[in-house]
Amino acid sequence: MSIAFRLYQPHVYHGEDDVATPDLMVTRMGVALAGGVRPVSVERLTTAVTVSEPAGRCWGAPAAVVVGSSGGALITVGAVHGDLRCLDADPDLALQAGAKVMSRFAWRLSDAATNAEQITLKLIEGQDPEGTSRGQWRLSSLAAEHPALGDLLADRYSLQKGELIFFAADHLFIMEPWRQISLQHPVRRPIVHEYRIHDPKAPLTDGGAT
């Protein structure tokens, strides 16, 4: 039996200048949305800065992402994409149809747990390089919405090595062409991930060149 996986190599901040880059094989992924954790194929996982999604047919939600590691769980920032056409009729299919974007920069979850009331998930959308703030969510508020995140922050249970969960904020909107998602920490360097949405049906242009 074959096992799907994605190699994830996060840059983990231990301080301002101390950074480690472990190799993690992600073999199991879930999305916490609307009160429950739904399994999603790890083949949808990406750290890309350009994501191909059909324009007008996808929604996106910013997320805090926790991944299990032998050296202790990590937390980073990400986004959950889904297909609007089947969101109401089949939420599981809607989730499988879209990318799951995450940053390659991370903190130790233990560092975030002690500052959950001060850590903020932020979303800016629009046209690069300008954007409009779409919302911000305290990590503690996300934990109140997602019991599994609350348990992880309180060290009541841990993820297995290679297990990953997206904890999505309540923000299901059609995505703009450019997005910046970030986690802001009171004493750590923020985690920021910027990416663009490319409609696979739209022609690519290069300054008018053909």
Protein backbone atom coordinates (compact mmCIF):
# COMPACT_ATOMS: atom_id res chain seq x y z
CA MET A 1 0.00 0.00 0.00
CA SER A 2 1.43 3.39 -1.01
CA ILE A 3 1.35 6.38 1.34
CA ALA A 4 1.02 9.93 0.03
CA PHE A 5 3.27 12.50 1.70
CA ARG A 6 4.70 15.96 1.32
CA LEU A 7 8.17 16.99 2.44
CA TYR A 8 7.89 20.08 4.63
CA GLN A 9 11.08 21.94 5.54
CA PRO A 10 10.12 24.80 7.84
CA HIS A 11 12.51 27.48 9.07
CA VAL A 12 11.80 27.35 12.79
CA TYR A 13 12.61 30.44 14.84
CA HIS A 14 14.00 29.76 18.32
CA GLY A 15 14.88 33.41 18.78
CA GLU A 16 15.88 36.38 16.66
CA ASP A 17 18.93 34.66 15.15
CA ASP A 18 18.56 30.96 15.99
CA VAL A 19 16.86 29.11 13.13
CA ALA A 20 16.56 25.35 12.51
CA THR A 21 15.26 23.66 9.34
CA PRO A 22 14.04 20.10 10.02
CA ASP A 23 12.80 17.68 7.34
CA LEU A 24 9.22 16.65 8.07
CA MET A 25 7.26 14.11 6.05
CA VAL A 26 3.59 15.13 6.24
CA THR A 27 1.54 11.94 5.93
CA ARG A 28 -1.78 13.06 7.39
CA MET A 29 -3.62 16.36 7.07
CA GLY A 30 -6.90 17.76 8.34
CA VAL A 31 -8.86 21.00 8.18
CA ALA A 32 -10.74 22.27 11.24
CA LEU A 33 -13.76 24.08 9.87
CA ALA A 34 -17.28 24.58 11.24
CA GLY A 35 -16.57 22.76 14.50
CA GLY A 36 -14.95 19.57 13.24
CA VAL A 37 -11.69 18.31 11.70
CA ARG A 38 -12.13 16.95 8.17
CA PRO A 39 -9.44 14.81 6.52
CA VAL A 40 -7.86 16.21 3.35
CA SER A 41 -5.31 14.66 1.01
CA VAL A 42 -1.75 15.82 1.66
CA GLU A 43 -1.40 16.19 -2.10
CA ARG A 44 -3.26 19.50 -1.70
CA LEU A 45 -0.52 20.92 0.54
CA THR A 46 1.69 23.64 -0.91
CA THR A 47 4.11 26.37 0.17
CA ALA A 48 3.94 28.02 -3.27
CA VAL A 49 3.73 31.78 -3.80
CA THR A 50 1.58 31.34 -6.94
CA VAL A 51 -1.45 29.07 -6.65
CA SER A 52 -3.60 28.06 -9.62
CA GLU A 53 -7.29 28.27 -8.75
CA PRO A 54 -10.30 29.00 -11.02
CA ALA A 55 -11.26 32.66 -10.70
CA GLY A 56 -14.62 33.25 -9.06
CA ARG A 57 -15.06 29.59 -8.14
CA CYS A 58 -12.92 29.35 -5.03
CA TRP A 59 -13.19 30.68 -1.50
CA GLY A 60 -10.37 31.04 0.98
CA ALA A 61 -10.03 31.21 4.75
CA PRO A 62 -6.88 32.22 6.67
CA ALA A 63 -5.68 29.64 9.17
CA ALA A 64 -3.25 28.86 11.94
CA VAL A 65 -1.49 25.59 11.09
CA VAL A 66 -0.08 23.12 13.62
CA VAL A 67 2.24 20.29 12.57
CA GLY A 68 3.56 17.45 14.68
CA SER A 69 7.33 17.08 14.99
CA SER A 70 9.63 14.83 16.99
CA GLY A 71 11.20 17.97 18.46
CA GLY A 72 7.83 19.39 19.54
CA ALA A 73 4.82 20.69 17.64
CA LEU A 74 5.22 23.71 15.36
CA ILE A 75 2.77 26.47 14.45
CA THR A 76 2.69 28.53 11.27
CA VAL A 77 0.26 30.44 9.09
CA GLY A 78 -1.73 29.21 6.11
CA ALA A 79 -4.91 29.39 4.07
CA VAL A 80 -7.64 26.89 3.28
CA HIS A 81 -9.02 26.99 -0.27
CA GLY A 82 -12.24 25.34 -1.36
CA ASP A 83 -14.60 25.13 -4.33
CA LEU A 84 -17.71 27.29 -4.05
CA ARG A 85 -19.68 25.13 -6.50
CA CYS A 86 -20.01 22.26 -4.04
CA LEU A 87 -19.52 23.92 -0.66
CA ASP A 88 -23.15 23.59 0.45
CA ALA A 89 -23.92 20.21 -1.12
CA ASP A 90 -20.66 18.43 -0.27
CA PRO A 91 -18.26 20.30 2.10
CA ASP A 92 -15.74 17.46 2.05
CA LEU A 93 -15.50 17.58 -1.75
CA ALA A 94 -15.25 21.37 -1.62
CA LEU A 95 -12.23 21.09 0.68
CA GLN A 96 -10.55 18.41 -1.42
CA ALA A 97 -10.88 20.58 -4.52
CA GLY A 98 -8.75 23.49 -3.28
CA ALA A 99 -5.14 24.08 -2.25
CA LYS A 100 -3.96 24.20 1.36
CA VAL A 101 -1.30 26.91 1.47
CA MET A 102 1.19 27.29 4.30
CA SER A 103 4.33 29.24 5.12
CA ARG A 104 7.80 27.71 5.37
CA PHE A 105 8.48 29.76 8.51
CA ALA A 106 7.27 28.57 11.91
CA TRP A 107 7.49 28.91 15.67
CA ARG A 108 7.48 26.28 18.36
CA LEU A 109 3.90 25.75 19.50
CA SER A 110 5.06 26.08 23.10
CA ASP A 111 6.22 29.64 22.35
CA ALA A 112 2.79 30.51 20.95
CA ALA A 113 0.88 28.84 23.78
CA THR A 114 2.20 31.26 26.40
CA ASN A 115 1.18 34.26 24.26
CA ALA A 116 -2.11 33.08 22.74
CA GLU A 117 -3.97 36.18 23.95
CA GLN A 118 -1.50 38.44 22.15
CA ILE A 119 -0.85 36.50 18.92
CA THR A 120 -2.93 37.68 15.98
CA LEU A 121 -3.77 36.02 12.67
CA LYS A 122 -4.15 38.70 9.99
CA LEU A 123 -5.39 38.72 6.40
CA ILE A 124 -4.77 41.39 3.76
CA GLU A 125 -6.14 40.99 0.23
CA GLY A 126 -6.19 42.98 -2.98
CA GLN A 127 -3.81 43.83 -5.80
CA ASP A 128 -0.07 43.49 -5.17
CA PRO A 129 1.56 45.47 -3.58
CA GLU A 130 -1.48 47.26 -2.14
CA GLY A 131 -4.14 45.48 -0.14
CA THR A 132 -7.07 45.92 2.18
CA SER A 133 -7.27 44.45 5.67
CA ARG A 134 -9.94 41.74 5.67
CA GLY A 135 -9.77 40.84 9.31
CA GLN A 136 -7.72 39.71 12.28
CA TRP A 137 -8.27 36.98 14.82
CA ARG A 138 -6.62 36.33 18.18
CA LEU A 139 -5.10 32.89 18.51
CA SER A 140 -7.04 32.49 21.74
CA SER A 141 -10.29 33.21 19.83
CA LEU A 142 -9.43 30.55 17.24
CA ALA A 143 -8.80 28.14 20.11
CA ALA A 144 -12.25 28.89 21.51
CA GLU A 145 -13.80 28.06 18.11
CA HIS A 146 -11.68 24.93 17.60
CA PRO A 147 -11.45 22.73 20.72
CA ALA A 148 -8.60 20.69 19.19
CA LEU A 149 -6.46 23.84 18.92
CA GLY A 150 -7.29 24.73 22.50
CA ASP A 151 -6.20 21.26 23.63
CA LEU A 152 -2.95 21.54 21.67
CA LEU A 153 -2.13 24.94 23.18
CA ALA A 154 -2.93 23.63 26.66
CA ASP A 155 -0.74 20.56 26.05
CA ARG A 156 -3.69 18.22 26.68
CA TYR A 157 -2.75 16.20 23.60
CA SER A 158 -0.16 16.25 20.84
CA LEU A 159 -0.04 15.52 17.13
CA GLN A 160 1.90 12.58 15.78
CA LYS A 161 5.04 13.36 13.80
CA GLY A 162 3.94 14.22 10.26
CA GLU A 163 0.34 15.02 11.24
CA LEU A 164 -0.87 18.49 10.32
CA ILE A 165 -4.08 20.46 11.00
CA PHE A 166 -5.30 23.76 9.52
CA PHE A 167 -7.42 25.73 12.00
CA ALA A 168 -9.40 28.07 9.78
CA ALA A 169 -10.84 31.42 10.79
CA ASP A 170 -14.48 32.16 10.05
CA HIS A 171 -13.79 33.98 6.79
CA LEU A 172 -15.16 32.34 3.64
CA PHE A 173 -14.87 34.83 0.82
CA ILE A 174 -14.01 34.70 -2.87
CA MET A 175 -10.28 35.25 -3.05
CA GLU A 176 -8.61 38.37 -4.38
CA PRO A 177 -5.61 38.07 -6.76
CA TRP A 178 -3.08 38.79 -3.99
CA ARG A 179 -3.07 37.75 -0.36
CA GLN A 180 -0.87 38.30 2.65
CA ILE A 181 -1.51 36.17 5.72
CA SER A 182 0.50 36.54 8.90
CA LEU A 183 0.84 35.60 12.54
CA GLN A 184 1.95 38.49 14.74
CA HIS A 185 3.77 37.61 17.98
CA PRO A 186 4.51 40.18 20.73
CA VAL A 187 8.19 39.22 21.02
CA ARG A 188 8.95 36.94 18.03
CA ARG A 189 9.57 37.83 14.41
CA PRO A 190 6.18 37.64 12.61
CA ILE A 191 5.40 34.81 10.20
CA VAL A 192 4.29 36.24 6.86
CA HIS A 193 3.26 34.43 3.70
CA GLU A 194 2.32 36.27 0.50
CA TYR A 195 0.91 34.51 -2.52
CA ARG A 196 -1.01 35.14 -5.72
CA ILE A 197 -4.01 33.41 -7.22
CA HIS A 198 -3.54 32.50 -10.88
CA ASP A 199 -6.61 31.59 -12.92
CA PRO A 200 -5.45 28.63 -15.07
CA LYS A 201 -7.82 29.79 -17.81
CA ALA A 202 -6.34 33.27 -17.97
CA PRO A 203 -3.36 33.88 -20.32
CA LEU A 204 -0.04 34.71 -18.71
CA THR A 205 1.40 38.09 -19.71
CA ASP A 206 4.91 39.42 -19.49
CA GLY A 207 4.80 43.16 -19.89
CA GLY A 208 2.91 42.87 -23.16
CA ALA A 209 5.42 40.43 -24.70
CA THR A 210 4.15 37.39 -26.53
